[in-house]
Amino acid sequence: MSDEEKKFGKGSEGSFDKGNKKSSEFGKKANEGFEKGKESSKSFSDDTKKSAKDFGDRAQEEFKKAKESTKGFAGDSKKAANDFGEGAKKTANELREGAKEAFSGVGGENKKVLAGILAIVLGGFGIHKFILGYTKEGIIMLVVTIGLGAITCGMAASAVWIIGVIEGIIYLTKTDEEFYNIYQVGRKPWF
């Protein structure tokens, strides 16, 4: 082998040794990097698990708070509904007592207010006449309103309604004593 070949062979052996050494160093660095990445990944995974657990715990606490709040609201609603029901019963009883008093009259005999209001509101049907005991006049008003009102396209019914309103106003403007003497004792059927 020539000197040159020997020199080249020694040079290539040195280069090979250097390459081996660099390759070995690179492998160590790659292993170190892999280990660091593995640790970093494990740390990230642990942090993520911890965050998820904390989030779950907080969500559970908020759910419990919402549940308690809902129970309180349900209790308040139930109490309010009961109070409303009791108030409605009381009002209905008061209305019933007021209606009894109105239908029986203050003294049990005087029907001025009831007859007056019915004459104004339902005068065309003659209801106020039936209340005062004037059955014949009540039937006349009812027949004219329904029967003749249909035939005359409401003209007769309008006239009867006007009569009812006028009678209602007259009833309500009389004193209790005058009304009682004229319409209940005196039995004056019209106006």
Foldseek 3Di string as FASTA:
>chain_A
DDPVVVVVVVVVVVVVVVVVVVVVVVVVVVVVVVVVVVVVVVVVVVVVVVVVVVVVVVVVVVVVVVVVVVVVVVVVVVVVVVVVVVVVVVVVVVVVVVVVCQLCDVVSQQNLLVLLVCLLVVQQQQPSCVSLPNVVVNVVSNCQLPPVCVVVVRPSSVVRSVQSNVVSVVSVVDDSVVNCVVCRVVVDRGD
